């Protein structure tokens, strides 16, 4: 192995893709560059030309697809299994044991391989973005294409840092231009306070927002609305200050940051560009061309098929979520299993509202006389209903088909990441005996914008407008009872739908309870729940209650415990601490 300087690599770019490893992000096998057959080369002068610049930037975009994998998905579903929404699943507790330790909050080690894997993959991705930004910095800064492409790369850099910060809290930021090997080796993960770290991400996004266009010809490129939605999300995280170095507690809530959330969720930013709610929530999770990049999708990771590669640029990061279906998904892995707690959250009372404080002694099941929110059946595949809305694949509990563990992790299946088996070889593909699809993954959607705005307004005291925004989301859910992919479920499968909006006046605390529940119902199984609980400061309370409630039926949670001021974040991986030359500090919690 030898060190290769990013700056030296930049002198002549070979279009074969690139990614650098570990703390310096610059280690590469000696023969790697010599052994590759380049498709084309560009000199430093040529790469400055706007008509060639995309030949460099494409590697950064490709990293969103090619660097992640099923054990280190950039969607972070593997890490949302720490929440009350889902179990890890799989065959048994030894299947993905490091993730099962995480969901129980016990037995977690800094040497666990999954931490170093997701850390390294994100920094590999960031190395591509950094190299692209260095190339752009040498181009004509007055050219509008160069300005917009620079904005795109800063958006992508913000994405990498944001995901890492949600996972690890204390991270090094790769933002200095033309970084040398010494620069990389001397990075610190405590150069900034927690608050300042969020600001580094915001700085990139504000630069992007200033130059990105309202529309992009190519859907995978971020727009001005995408930058606005991203800014709103980061400001929302930043607003809940966690700057006590000895804890992960929320010490204060910033009104200034919340006002920025309000500013960047001004609805005209989105509606003027054509964004809005889909009539059916399920339309956001369909692979067919007429549904992908729909009006609710503000920015999505673009996967593809039939693009000249062996399998296409398919989504392999979700392949562990596919269940086992005889003669179709015989090799399904059955991870990311929706919890009983999540299913029960969709129950509604006689007013059509969530039963916020009503603990159920028995779990909801299809055929119950209880009323539920239609979003349940778009989110969770349940026994007694068809898998992926296809009556040819009815889910049941009489065999282990729908639970690879034989029921240990229940019989529920996540629907939002999966594709109708009838679409096999069109949008769903068996690749080396595991399944992948061409369906995009939405990162920011309009419903999330509405709920972020509602949360900021409620915290600032404007509860009437906050509740009105929640009701927009609930109105879509109510309409799904008669106009959606699950509209026939009451007559065919004996379920009962009832959803209505909120009426009356609410205090800030009451409004926040409503909004927190609505975020859970709307965004369930989209890898937001755990991170929401952490930023609110609710994680320990909610998750330990979940362990207590679920423990009556889910034996694998016996002895589970969420330790406050520790389990909110992953430990800095042992390999990174060892290779940091003493520049990294471990997260709190006595790892």
Protein backbone atom coordinates (compact mmCIF):
# COMPACT_ATOMS: atom_id res chain seq x y z
CA UNK A 1 0.00 0.00 0.00
CA UNK A 2 1.16 3.56 -0.65
CA UNK A 3 -0.13 7.05 0.00
CA UNK A 4 -1.46 8.99 -2.98
CA UNK A 5 -2.09 12.71 -2.67
CA UNK A 6 -5.49 13.93 -3.83
CA UNK A 7 -3.78 17.04 -5.16
CA UNK A 8 -1.48 14.94 -7.36
CA UNK A 9 -4.36 12.83 -8.60
CA UNK A 10 -6.10 16.01 -9.67
CA UNK A 11 -3.42 16.81 -12.24
CA UNK A 12 -4.81 14.24 -14.63
CA UNK A 13 -8.20 12.64 -14.08
CA UNK A 14 -8.81 9.10 -15.32
CA UNK A 15 -12.53 8.45 -15.73
CA UNK A 16 -12.68 5.15 -13.89
CA UNK A 17 -14.06 6.37 -10.55
CA UNK A 18 -12.08 6.92 -7.41
CA UNK A 19 -12.43 6.54 -3.64
CA UNK A 20 -9.84 6.87 -0.87
CA UNK A 21 -9.73 5.03 2.41
CA UNK A 22 -9.44 5.28 6.22
CA UNK A 23 -8.31 8.29 8.24
CA UNK A 24 -6.21 9.91 5.55
CA UNK A 25 -8.81 8.88 2.95
CA UNK A 26 -5.80 8.50 0.61
CA UNK A 27 -4.64 4.89 0.79
CA UNK A 28 -4.75 2.89 -2.44
CA UNK A 29 -3.26 -0.37 -3.70
CA UNK A 30 -0.01 0.25 -5.56
CA UNK A 31 -1.16 -1.24 -8.83
CA UNK A 32 -4.71 0.04 -8.82
CA UNK A 33 -4.24 2.98 -11.18
CA UNK A 34 -1.78 1.13 -13.42
CA UNK A 35 -4.04 -1.90 -13.83
CA UNK A 36 -7.19 -0.02 -14.83
CA UNK A 37 -7.98 0.55 -18.49
CA UNK A 38 -9.19 4.16 -18.71
CA UNK A 39 -12.23 4.93 -20.82
CA UNK A 40 -10.96 8.47 -21.40
CA UNK A 41 -8.62 11.02 -19.91
CA UNK A 42 -8.81 14.76 -19.46
CA UNK A 43 -5.97 17.17 -18.85
CA UNK A 44 -6.21 19.78 -16.11
CA UNK A 45 -6.98 22.46 -18.72
CA UNK A 46 -9.69 20.40 -20.41
CA UNK A 47 -11.45 19.61 -17.15
CA UNK A 48 -11.94 23.34 -16.52
CA UNK A 49 -14.15 23.58 -19.59
CA UNK A 50 -17.87 23.55 -18.60
CA UNK A 51 -18.65 21.06 -21.38
CA UNK A 52 -16.28 18.51 -19.83
CA UNK A 53 -16.82 19.17 -16.15
CA UNK A 54 -19.64 16.63 -15.79
CA UNK A 55 -17.20 13.89 -16.75
CA UNK A 56 -15.54 14.50 -13.38
CA UNK A 57 -18.64 15.18 -11.31
CA UNK A 58 -20.37 11.98 -12.41
CA UNK A 59 -18.05 10.02 -10.11
CA UNK A 60 -19.39 11.90 -7.09
CA UNK A 61 -22.99 11.17 -8.10
CA UNK A 62 -22.10 7.54 -8.81
CA UNK A 63 -20.76 7.24 -5.27
CA UNK A 64 -24.29 7.63 -3.93
CA UNK A 65 -25.09 4.28 -5.55
CA UNK A 66 -21.83 2.38 -5.88
CA UNK A 67 -20.21 2.98 -2.47
CA UNK A 68 -23.10 2.04 -0.17
CA UNK A 69 -24.08 -1.60 0.28
CA UNK A 70 -26.69 -3.73 2.04
CA UNK A 71 -24.78 -3.65 5.35
CA UNK A 72 -24.01 0.07 5.09
CA UNK A 73 -27.00 1.61 3.36
CA UNK A 74 -26.79 5.38 2.96
CA UNK A 75 -30.51 5.45 3.82
CA UNK A 76 -29.40 4.33 7.33
CA UNK A 77 -32.22 1.79 7.63
CA UNK A 78 -29.74 -0.52 9.39
CA UNK A 79 -29.53 2.07 12.18
CA UNK A 80 -33.22 2.99 12.36
CA UNK A 81 -33.75 -0.48 13.85
CA UNK A 82 -32.67 1.10 17.15
CA UNK A 83 -36.04 2.89 17.23
CA UNK A 84 -39.49 1.68 18.29
CA UNK A 85 -40.52 1.38 14.62
CA UNK A 86 -38.67 -1.79 13.66
CA UNK A 87 -36.77 -4.92 14.65
CA UNK A 88 -33.56 -5.94 12.88
CA UNK A 89 -35.04 -9.29 11.84
CA UNK A 90 -33.19 -11.86 9.75
CA UNK A 91 -32.88 -15.56 10.52
CA UNK A 92 -31.94 -15.32 14.21
CA UNK A 93 -30.05 -13.22 16.72
CA UNK A 94 -26.69 -14.34 15.33
CA UNK A 95 -27.70 -13.13 11.85
CA UNK A 96 -26.35 -9.57 11.83
CA UNK A 97 -25.40 -9.80 15.51
CA UNK A 98 -23.78 -6.35 15.63
CA UNK A 99 -27.06 -4.77 14.56
CA UNK A 100 -29.03 -6.87 17.04
CA UNK A 101 -26.73 -5.60 19.79
CA UNK A 102 -27.54 -2.07 18.67
CA UNK A 103 -31.30 -2.64 18.76
CA UNK A 104 -30.97 -3.99 22.32
CA UNK A 105 -28.52 -1.29 23.40
CA UNK A 106 -26.13 -3.87 24.88
CA UNK A 107 -22.90 -5.62 23.93
CA UNK A 108 -21.85 -2.83 21.56
CA UNK A 109 -18.08 -2.56 20.94
CA UNK A 110 -16.02 0.13 19.22
CA UNK A 111 -14.41 -2.68 17.20
CA UNK A 112 -17.72 -3.81 15.65
CA UNK A 113 -17.17 -3.99 11.90
CA UNK A 114 -20.35 -2.16 10.91
CA UNK A 115 -19.22 1.14 12.44
CA UNK A 116 -15.98 1.28 10.50
CA UNK A 117 -17.79 0.18 7.33
CA UNK A 118 -20.36 2.99 7.26
CA UNK A 119 -17.75 5.57 8.37
CA UNK A 120 -15.27 4.58 5.67
CA UNK A 121 -17.89 4.37 2.93
CA UNK A 122 -19.18 7.87 3.60
CA UNK A 123 -15.67 9.30 3.63
CA UNK A 124 -14.88 7.44 0.40
CA UNK A 125 -17.90 9.19 -1.05
CA UNK A 126 -16.81 12.55 0.38
CA UNK A 127 -13.36 12.14 -1.17
CA UNK A 128 -14.99 12.03 -4.61
CA UNK A 129 -16.99 15.16 -3.84
CA UNK A 130 -13.90 16.98 -2.54
CA UNK A 131 -11.92 16.17 -5.65
CA UNK A 132 -14.78 17.42 -7.82
CA UNK A 133 -14.91 20.69 -5.88
CA UNK A 134 -11.17 21.14 -6.34
CA UNK A 135 -11.63 20.73 -10.09
CA UNK A 136 -14.48 23.22 -10.13
CA UNK A 137 -12.47 25.76 -8.17
CA UNK A 138 -9.96 25.94 -11.06
CA UNK A 139 -12.66 26.58 -13.66
CA UNK A 140 -14.22 29.89 -14.78
CA UNK A 141 -16.17 31.08 -11.74
CA UNK A 142 -18.24 33.51 -13.80
CA UNK A 143 -19.76 30.66 -15.82
CA UNK A 144 -23.27 29.82 -14.62
CA UNK A 145 -22.80 26.09 -15.30
CA UNK A 146 -19.69 26.04 -13.12
CA UNK A 147 -21.56 27.93 -10.40
CA UNK A 148 -24.47 25.49 -10.45
CA UNK A 149 -22.25 22.42 -10.52
CA UNK A 150 -20.33 23.80 -7.55
CA UNK A 151 -23.65 24.19 -5.76
CA UNK A 152 -24.52 20.58 -6.56
CA UNK A 153 -21.24 19.31 -5.14
CA UNK A 154 -21.65 21.36 -1.97
CA UNK A 155 -25.13 19.87 -1.62
CA UNK A 156 -23.65 16.38 -1.98
CA UNK A 157 -20.90 17.20 0.51
CA UNK A 158 -23.54 18.38 2.97
CA UNK A 159 -25.39 15.08 2.50
CA UNK A 160 -22.34 13.03 3.45
CA UNK A 161 -21.51 15.15 6.49
CA UNK A 162 -25.17 15.21 7.60
CA UNK A 163 -25.53 11.44 7.57
CA UNK A 164 -22.23 10.97 9.38
CA UNK A 165 -23.12 13.54 12.01
CA UNK A 166 -26.50 11.93 12.69
CA UNK A 167 -24.67 8.65 13.24
CA UNK A 168 -21.49 9.64 15.05
CA UNK A 169 -21.98 13.23 16.33
CA UNK A 170 -18.23 13.95 16.55
CA UNK A 171 -16.90 13.84 13.00
CA UNK A 172 -14.07 15.45 11.00
CA UNK A 173 -15.28 17.83 8.29
CA UNK A 174 -13.64 17.57 4.88
CA UNK A 175 -14.19 21.13 3.64
CA UNK A 176 -10.76 22.64 3.06
CA UNK A 177 -9.88 22.98 -0.67
CA UNK A 178 -6.93 21.09 -2.16
CA UNK A 179 -6.27 19.14 0.99
CA UNK A 180 -2.85 17.53 1.26
CA UNK A 181 -2.01 14.24 2.87
CA UNK A 182 -0.89 16.10 5.99
CA UNK A 183 -4.21 17.97 6.07
CA UNK A 184 -6.11 14.69 6.10
CA UNK A 185 -3.88 13.07 8.69
CA UNK A 186 -4.28 16.04 11.04
CA UNK A 187 -8.06 16.32 10.86
CA UNK A 188 -9.82 16.55 14.23
CA UNK A 189 -13.33 15.40 15.03
CA UNK A 190 -13.65 18.08 17.74
CA UNK A 191 -12.52 21.09 15.71
CA UNK A 192 -16.09 22.34 16.04
CA UNK A 193 -18.68 22.17 18.79
CA UNK A 194 -21.85 20.25 18.01
CA UNK A 195 -23.61 23.50 17.11
CA UNK A 196 -20.70 24.65 14.94
CA UNK A 197 -20.64 21.30 13.19
CA UNK A 198 -24.22 21.73 12.02
CA UNK A 199 -23.25 25.20 10.86
CA UNK A 200 -20.53 23.75 8.60
CA UNK A 201 -23.21 21.75 6.81
CA UNK A 202 -25.48 24.79 6.65
CA UNK A 203 -22.70 26.86 5.07
CA UNK A 204 -22.45 24.42 2.17
CA UNK A 205 -26.21 24.35 1.73
CA UNK A 206 -26.59 28.12 1.79
CA UNK A 207 -23.99 28.35 -0.98
CA UNK A 208 -25.92 25.71 -2.91
CA UNK A 209 -29.28 27.41 -2.38
CA UNK A 210 -27.90 30.67 -3.78
CA UNK A 211 -26.97 29.17 -7.16
CA UNK A 212 -29.10 26.08 -7.79
CA UNK A 213 -31.87 26.47 -10.37
CA UNK A 214 -35.58 26.00 -9.74
CA UNK A 215 -35.68 23.13 -12.24
CA UNK A 216 -33.04 20.64 -13.39
CA UNK A 217 -33.25 18.82 -16.72
CA UNK A 218 -31.77 15.71 -15.05
CA UNK A 219 -33.85 14.64 -12.08
CA UNK A 220 -30.98 13.40 -9.92
CA UNK A 221 -29.49 16.87 -9.63
CA UNK A 222 -30.62 18.90 -6.61
CA UNK A 223 -32.75 22.00 -7.18
CA UNK A 224 -33.26 25.18 -5.17
CA UNK A 225 -36.20 23.52 -3.42
CA UNK A 226 -34.04 20.52 -2.53
CA UNK A 227 -31.46 22.82 -0.96
CA UNK A 228 -34.22 24.63 0.94
CA UNK A 229 -35.66 21.36 2.29
CA UNK A 230 -32.18 20.22 3.30
CA UNK A 231 -31.47 23.56 5.02
CA UNK A 232 -34.73 23.28 6.92
CA UNK A 233 -33.82 19.79 8.12
CA UNK A 234 -30.32 20.75 9.26
CA UNK A 235 -31.59 23.87 11.05
CA UNK A 236 -34.19 21.67 12.77
CA UNK A 237 -31.43 19.40 14.06
CA UNK A 238 -29.29 22.37 15.04
CA UNK A 239 -32.20 24.00 16.90
CA UNK A 240 -32.15 21.30 19.59
CA UNK A 241 -28.78 22.18 21.10
CA UNK A 242 -26.67 19.30 22.43
CA UNK A 243 -23.49 21.16 23.29
CA UNK A 244 -22.81 19.65 26.72
CA UNK A 245 -19.65 17.65 26.05
CA UNK A 246 -20.46 15.22 28.85
CA UNK A 247 -23.93 14.30 27.61
CA UNK A 248 -26.24 14.07 24.59
CA UNK A 249 -29.04 15.97 26.30
CA UNK A 250 -30.97 18.79 24.68
CA UNK A 251 -29.83 21.78 26.72
CA UNK A 252 -31.85 24.46 24.91
CA UNK A 253 -33.99 25.04 21.82
CA UNK A 254 -32.97 27.92 19.57
CA UNK A 255 -35.75 30.22 18.36
CA UNK A 256 -33.38 31.67 15.75
CA UNK A 257 -32.74 28.24 14.24
CA UNK A 258 -36.45 27.44 14.28
CA UNK A 259 -37.17 30.66 12.43
CA UNK A 260 -34.73 29.57 9.74
CA UNK A 261 -36.74 26.34 9.43
CA UNK A 262 -39.83 28.47 8.88
CA UNK A 263 -37.99 30.59 6.29
CA UNK A 264 -36.77 27.61 4.29
CA UNK A 265 -40.14 25.85 4.40
CA UNK A 266 -42.02 28.79 2.92
CA UNK A 267 -44.45 26.75 0.86
CA UNK A 268 -44.22 28.92 -2.25
CA UNK A 269 -40.61 27.73 -2.68
CA UNK A 270 -42.04 24.30 -3.37
CA UNK A 271 -45.46 24.86 -4.87
CA UNK A 272 -44.13 27.33 -7.44
CA UNK A 273 -41.77 24.58 -8.63
CA UNK A 274 -44.61 22.07 -8.91
CA UNK A 275 -44.11 20.13 -5.67
CA UNK A 276 -47.04 18.93 -3.56
CA UNK A 277 -48.61 15.87 -1.95
CA UNK A 278 -49.34 12.79 -4.04
CA UNK A 279 -52.95 11.64 -3.84
CA UNK A 280 -51.78 8.24 -2.60
CA UNK A 281 -48.80 7.86 -0.25
CA UNK A 282 -47.86 4.66 -2.08
CA UNK A 283 -47.10 6.59 -5.27
CA UNK A 284 -43.86 7.70 -3.61
CA UNK A 285 -42.70 4.09 -3.39
CA UNK A 286 -43.36 2.71 -6.85
CA UNK A 287 -40.66 1.88 -9.42
CA UNK A 288 -42.66 2.53 -12.60
CA UNK A 289 -41.44 5.50 -14.62
CA UNK A 290 -44.76 7.37 -14.34
CA UNK A 291 -44.37 7.44 -10.53
CA UNK A 292 -40.67 8.02 -9.99
CA UNK A 293 -39.62 11.63 -9.41
CA UNK A 294 -43.26 12.53 -8.84
CA UNK A 295 -44.50 15.81 -7.45
CA UNK A 296 -43.81 14.87 -3.83
CA UNK A 297 -40.20 13.84 -4.55
CA UNK A 298 -38.02 16.92 -3.94
CA UNK A 299 -34.73 15.03 -4.23
CA UNK A 300 -34.14 11.32 -4.71
CA UNK A 301 -31.22 8.97 -5.20
CA UNK A 302 -31.54 7.71 -8.77
CA UNK A 303 -31.18 4.00 -9.43
CA UNK A 304 -31.42 2.55 -12.93
CA UNK A 305 -31.72 -0.60 -15.04
CA UNK A 306 -30.75 -1.55 -18.58
CA UNK A 307 -27.94 1.00 -18.64
CA UNK A 308 -25.31 -1.20 -20.25
CA UNK A 309 -23.85 -2.55 -17.00
CA UNK A 310 -24.28 -6.11 -15.77
CA UNK A 311 -27.16 -5.39 -13.40
CA UNK A 312 -27.74 -1.71 -13.96
CA UNK A 313 -27.15 0.80 -11.18
CA UNK A 314 -29.68 -1.02 -9.04
CA UNK A 315 -30.49 -0.41 -5.40
CA UNK A 316 -28.54 -3.14 -3.65
CA UNK A 317 -28.67 -1.35 -0.29
CA UNK A 318 -32.24 -2.55 0.37
CA UNK A 319 -31.72 -6.16 -0.65
CA UNK A 320 -31.70 -7.38 2.97
CA UNK A 321 -35.24 -6.03 3.46
CA UNK A 322 -36.81 -8.40 0.90
CA UNK A 323 -38.78 -11.24 2.58
CA UNK A 324 -38.74 -14.88 1.50
CA UNK A 325 -41.54 -15.63 -0.99
CA UNK A 326 -41.75 -19.19 -2.36
CA UNK A 327 -40.73 -19.48 -6.02
CA UNK A 328 -40.03 -15.75 -6.16
CA UNK A 329 -37.82 -14.49 -3.32
CA UNK A 330 -36.49 -17.79 -2.07
CA UNK A 331 -33.30 -15.98 -1.02
CA UNK A 332 -35.01 -13.10 0.76
CA UNK A 333 -33.25 -12.00 3.94
CA UNK A 334 -36.24 -10.53 5.85
CA UNK A 335 -34.54 -7.70 7.76
CA UNK A 336 -36.01 -4.35 8.91
CA UNK A 337 -39.22 -5.84 10.31
CA UNK A 338 -41.93 -3.36 11.39
CA UNK A 339 -42.66 -3.58 15.12
CA UNK A 340 -45.95 -4.32 16.87
CA UNK A 341 -45.52 -0.93 18.52
CA UNK A 342 -45.51 0.79 15.13
CA UNK A 343 -48.57 -1.13 13.90
CA UNK A 344 -50.47 -0.21 17.06
CA UNK A 345 -49.62 3.47 16.55
CA UNK A 346 -51.90 3.53 13.49
CA UNK A 347 -55.01 2.71 15.55
CA UNK A 348 -57.51 5.58 15.72
CA UNK A 349 -60.22 6.56 18.20
CA UNK A 350 -63.88 7.43 17.58
CA UNK A 351 -62.79 10.89 16.40
CA UNK A 352 -60.45 9.42 13.79
CA UNK A 353 -57.36 10.60 15.69
CA UNK A 354 -54.32 8.65 16.89
CA UNK A 355 -54.74 7.08 20.34
CA UNK A 356 -51.79 9.06 21.72
CA UNK A 357 -51.89 7.87 25.33
CA UNK A 358 -53.85 4.64 25.03
CA UNK A 359 -51.63 1.62 25.67
CA UNK A 360 -53.04 -1.53 24.06
CA UNK A 361 -53.05 -4.77 26.04
CA UNK A 362 -53.38 -6.69 22.77
CA UNK A 363 -51.82 -5.93 19.41
CA UNK A 364 -53.82 -4.87 16.38
CA UNK A 365 -54.50 -7.59 13.81
CA UNK A 366 -56.33 -7.65 10.49
CA UNK A 367 -60.00 -8.40 11.10
CA UNK A 368 -60.13 -6.39 14.32
CA UNK A 369 -63.14 -4.12 14.84
CA UNK A 370 -60.76 -1.27 15.69
CA UNK A 371 -60.35 1.59 13.23
CA UNK A 372 -56.94 2.36 11.75
CA UNK A 373 -55.18 4.86 9.52
CA UNK A 374 -54.93 3.63 5.87
CA UNK A 375 -51.22 4.53 5.91
CA UNK A 376 -50.68 1.41 8.01
CA UNK A 377 -51.25 -0.86 5.02
CA UNK A 378 -49.04 1.19 2.70
CA UNK A 379 -46.22 0.97 5.25
CA UNK A 380 -46.57 -2.52 6.74
CA UNK A 381 -47.33 -5.82 5.05
CA UNK A 382 -49.52 -7.76 7.51
CA UNK A 383 -50.87 -11.31 7.64
CA UNK A 384 -54.31 -11.37 6.07
CA UNK A 385 -53.41 -8.82 3.40
CA UNK A 386 -51.56 -9.14 0.06
CA UNK A 387 -47.82 -8.54 -0.11
CA UNK A 388 -47.11 -5.45 -2.22
CA UNK A 389 -50.87 -5.17 -2.90
CA UNK A 390 -50.79 -8.25 -5.15
CA UNK A 391 -53.51 -10.80 -4.21
CA UNK A 392 -51.34 -13.52 -5.70
CA UNK A 393 -49.06 -13.24 -2.67
CA UNK A 394 -51.22 -13.33 0.46
CA UNK A 395 -49.37 -12.96 3.73
CA UNK A 396 -50.08 -15.44 6.53
CA UNK A 397 -48.62 -16.92 9.71
CA UNK A 398 -49.21 -20.66 9.22
CA UNK A 399 -45.71 -21.15 7.81
CA UNK A 400 -42.38 -19.38 8.21
CA UNK A 401 -42.67 -17.92 4.71
CA UNK A 402 -43.28 -14.40 5.94
CA UNK A 403 -40.87 -14.64 8.83
CA UNK A 404 -37.47 -16.11 8.17
CA UNK A 405 -36.99 -16.40 11.93
CA UNK A 406 -40.15 -18.47 12.35
CA UNK A 407 -41.96 -15.63 14.06
CA UNK A 408 -39.21 -14.56 16.45
CA UNK A 409 -39.27 -11.10 14.90
CA UNK A 410 -42.93 -11.21 13.96
CA UNK A 411 -44.66 -11.60 10.61
CA UNK A 412 -44.77 -8.01 9.46
CA UNK A 413 -42.89 -6.85 6.35
CA UNK A 414 -41.73 -3.39 5.32
CA UNK A 415 -43.45 -2.31 2.09
CA UNK A 416 -41.86 1.05 1.25
CA UNK A 417 -38.57 -0.46 0.07
CA UNK A 418 -40.02 -3.45 -1.77
CA UNK A 419 -41.43 -4.08 -5.24
CA UNK A 420 -44.34 -6.23 -6.45
CA UNK A 421 -42.95 -9.67 -7.42
CA UNK A 422 -45.07 -9.45 -10.57
CA UNK A 423 -42.57 -6.83 -11.77
CA UNK A 424 -39.65 -9.27 -11.68
CA UNK A 425 -37.24 -8.70 -14.58
CA UNK A 426 -38.84 -5.31 -15.21
CA UNK A 427 -38.05 -3.39 -12.02
CA UNK A 428 -37.01 -6.21 -9.67
CA UNK A 429 -34.03 -8.41 -10.46
CA UNK A 430 -32.40 -11.54 -9.08
CA UNK A 431 -28.70 -10.61 -9.00
CA UNK A 432 -26.40 -13.38 -7.83
CA UNK A 433 -29.28 -14.97 -5.91
CA UNK A 434 -30.22 -11.78 -4.07
CA UNK A 435 -32.76 -9.20 -5.03
CA UNK A 436 -32.34 -5.59 -6.11
CA UNK A 437 -34.64 -3.04 -7.73
CA UNK A 438 -34.39 0.07 -9.88
CA UNK A 439 -36.76 2.04 -7.61
CA UNK A 440 -35.44 5.43 -6.54
CA UNK A 441 -35.04 6.35 -2.89
CA UNK A 442 -36.62 9.68 -1.95
CA UNK A 443 -34.45 11.68 0.46
CA UNK A 444 -36.65 14.77 0.80
CA UNK A 445 -40.37 14.74 0.11
CA UNK A 446 -43.04 17.41 0.42
CA UNK A 447 -44.88 15.80 3.36
CA UNK A 448 -41.67 16.07 5.40
CA UNK A 449 -41.44 19.78 4.52
CA UNK A 450 -44.99 20.33 5.83
CA UNK A 451 -44.20 18.54 9.08
CA UNK A 452 -40.87 20.31 9.60
CA UNK A 453 -42.64 23.64 9.16
CA UNK A 454 -45.37 22.53 11.57
CA UNK A 455 -42.79 21.56 14.19
CA UNK A 456 -40.90 24.85 13.97
CA UNK A 457 -44.12 26.89 14.13
CA UNK A 458 -45.39 24.92 17.12
CA UNK A 459 -42.14 25.42 19.01
CA UNK A 460 -42.35 29.14 18.22
CA UNK A 461 -45.90 29.31 19.58
CA UNK A 462 -47.92 29.42 16.35
CA UNK A 463 -49.90 26.27 17.04
CA UNK A 464 -52.95 27.06 14.85
CA UNK A 465 -50.87 27.14 11.65
CA UNK A 466 -48.87 24.14 12.83
CA UNK A 467 -52.03 22.05 13.26
CA UNK A 468 -53.35 23.22 9.89
CA UNK A 469 -50.18 21.84 8.26
CA UNK A 470 -50.57 18.53 10.10
CA UNK A 471 -54.14 18.39 8.82
CA UNK A 472 -52.93 18.70 5.23
CA UNK A 473 -51.03 15.45 5.71
CA UNK A 474 -53.96 13.85 7.52
CA UNK A 475 -56.39 14.89 4.79
CA UNK A 476 -54.33 12.95 2.27
CA UNK A 477 -54.42 9.96 4.64
CA UNK A 478 -58.22 10.28 5.05
CA UNK A 479 -58.74 10.41 1.30
CA UNK A 480 -56.74 7.21 0.90
CA UNK A 481 -59.66 5.34 2.50
CA UNK A 482 -61.59 5.76 -0.74
CA UNK A 483 -58.89 6.55 -3.31
CA UNK A 484 -55.66 4.61 -2.98
CA UNK A 485 -54.05 1.24 -3.53
CA UNK A 486 -55.63 0.06 -0.25
CA UNK A 487 -59.11 1.56 -0.76
CA UNK A 488 -60.64 -1.92 -1.24
CA UNK A 489 -59.15 -3.36 1.95
CA UNK A 490 -62.29 -2.80 4.09
CA UNK A 491 -64.48 -4.86 1.77
CA UNK A 492 -61.86 -7.49 0.87
CA UNK A 493 -59.96 -7.95 4.12
CA UNK A 494 -62.28 -6.73 6.87
CA UNK A 495 -60.31 -3.71 8.07
CA UNK A 496 -61.90 -0.44 9.18
CA UNK A 497 -60.50 2.97 8.23
CA UNK A 498 -61.10 6.19 10.14
CA UNK A 499 -58.93 9.32 9.85
CA UNK A 500 -59.88 12.92 10.57
CA UNK A 501 -58.08 16.18 11.17
CA UNK A 502 -57.54 17.94 14.49
CA UNK A 503 -60.00 20.61 15.63
CA UNK A 504 -59.82 23.13 18.45
CA UNK A 505 -56.94 24.95 20.08
CA UNK A 506 -53.81 23.30 21.44
CA UNK A 507 -50.96 24.31 23.72
CA UNK A 508 -47.39 24.09 22.48
CA UNK A 509 -46.84 20.83 24.36
CA UNK A 510 -50.05 19.34 22.97
CA UNK A 511 -49.18 20.45 19.44
CA UNK A 512 -45.70 18.96 19.71
CA UNK A 513 -47.15 15.62 20.86
CA UNK A 514 -49.44 15.67 17.83
CA UNK A 515 -46.60 16.55 15.43
CA UNK A 516 -44.25 13.92 16.82
CA UNK A 517 -46.92 11.27 16.29
CA UNK A 518 -47.71 12.53 12.79
CA UNK A 519 -44.05 12.35 11.81
CA UNK A 520 -44.00 8.77 13.00
CA UNK A 521 -47.12 7.77 11.08
CA UNK A 522 -46.19 9.55 7.84
CA UNK A 523 -42.44 8.78 7.72
CA UNK A 524 -42.41 5.31 9.31
CA UNK A 525 -39.83 2.90 7.85
CA UNK A 526 -38.07 5.75 6.05
CA UNK A 527 -35.15 5.82 8.53
CA UNK A 528 -36.19 9.02 10.30
CA UNK A 529 -37.69 7.82 13.58
CA UNK A 530 -34.55 7.07 15.62
CA UNK A 531 -32.87 10.30 14.61
CA UNK A 532 -36.01 12.30 15.42
CA UNK A 533 -36.08 10.79 18.91
CA UNK A 534 -32.43 11.72 19.47
CA UNK A 535 -32.75 15.32 18.33
CA UNK A 536 -35.87 15.82 20.47
CA UNK A 537 -34.06 14.35 23.49
CA UNK A 538 -36.76 11.65 23.74
CA UNK A 539 -34.73 8.58 22.81
CA UNK A 540 -34.05 7.06 26.22
CA UNK A 541 -37.60 7.53 27.51
CA UNK A 542 -39.38 6.32 24.39
CA UNK A 543 -37.11 3.39 23.58
CA UNK A 544 -36.95 2.03 27.13
CA UNK A 545 -40.76 2.16 27.26
CA UNK A 546 -40.78 0.32 23.93
CA UNK A 547 -38.54 -2.39 25.41
CA UNK A 548 -40.89 -2.73 28.37
CA UNK A 549 -44.07 -2.85 26.28
CA UNK A 550 -42.74 -5.14 23.55
CA UNK A 551 -41.04 -7.46 26.00
CA UNK A 552 -44.37 -9.15 26.72
CA UNK A 553 -44.32 -10.82 23.31
CA UNK A 554 -40.85 -10.26 21.78
CA UNK A 555 -38.52 -12.37 23.93
CA UNK A 556 -35.36 -11.24 22.16
CA UNK A 557 -35.79 -7.85 23.85
CA UNK A 558 -35.40 -9.33 27.34
CA UNK A 559 -32.63 -7.40 29.08
CA UNK A 560 -32.58 -4.66 26.44
CA UNK A 561 -31.77 -1.19 27.76
CA UNK A 562 -31.12 2.18 26.16
CA UNK A 563 -28.42 4.05 28.09
CA UNK A 564 -28.94 7.81 28.03
CA UNK A 565 -25.88 9.89 27.11
CA UNK A 566 -24.39 6.92 25.29
CA UNK A 567 -26.69 5.04 22.92
CA UNK A 568 -27.86 8.15 21.07
CA UNK A 569 -24.77 7.97 18.85
CA UNK A 570 -22.43 5.31 17.58
CA UNK A 571 -18.94 5.14 19.01
CA UNK A 572 -16.10 6.47 16.88
CA UNK A 573 -14.74 3.26 15.31
CA UNK A 574 -11.67 1.79 16.98
CA UNK A 575 -9.75 1.79 13.69
CA UNK A 576 -10.35 5.49 13.23
CA UNK A 577 -9.38 6.38 16.79
CA UNK A 578 -6.17 4.36 16.44
CA UNK A 579 -5.20 5.95 13.12
CA UNK A 580 -6.07 9.53 14.05
CA UNK A 581 -2.71 10.49 15.55
CA UNK A 582 -4.53 11.44 18.71
CA UNK A 583 -6.72 14.02 16.94
CA UNK A 584 -10.04 12.23 17.55
CA UNK A 585 -12.05 12.13 20.76
CA UNK A 586 -14.50 9.37 21.60
CA UNK A 587 -18.17 10.16 22.16
CA UNK A 588 -19.43 10.31 25.73
CA UNK A 589 -20.68 7.15 27.38
CA UNK A 590 -17.46 5.37 28.42
CA UNK A 591 -17.04 3.41 25.21
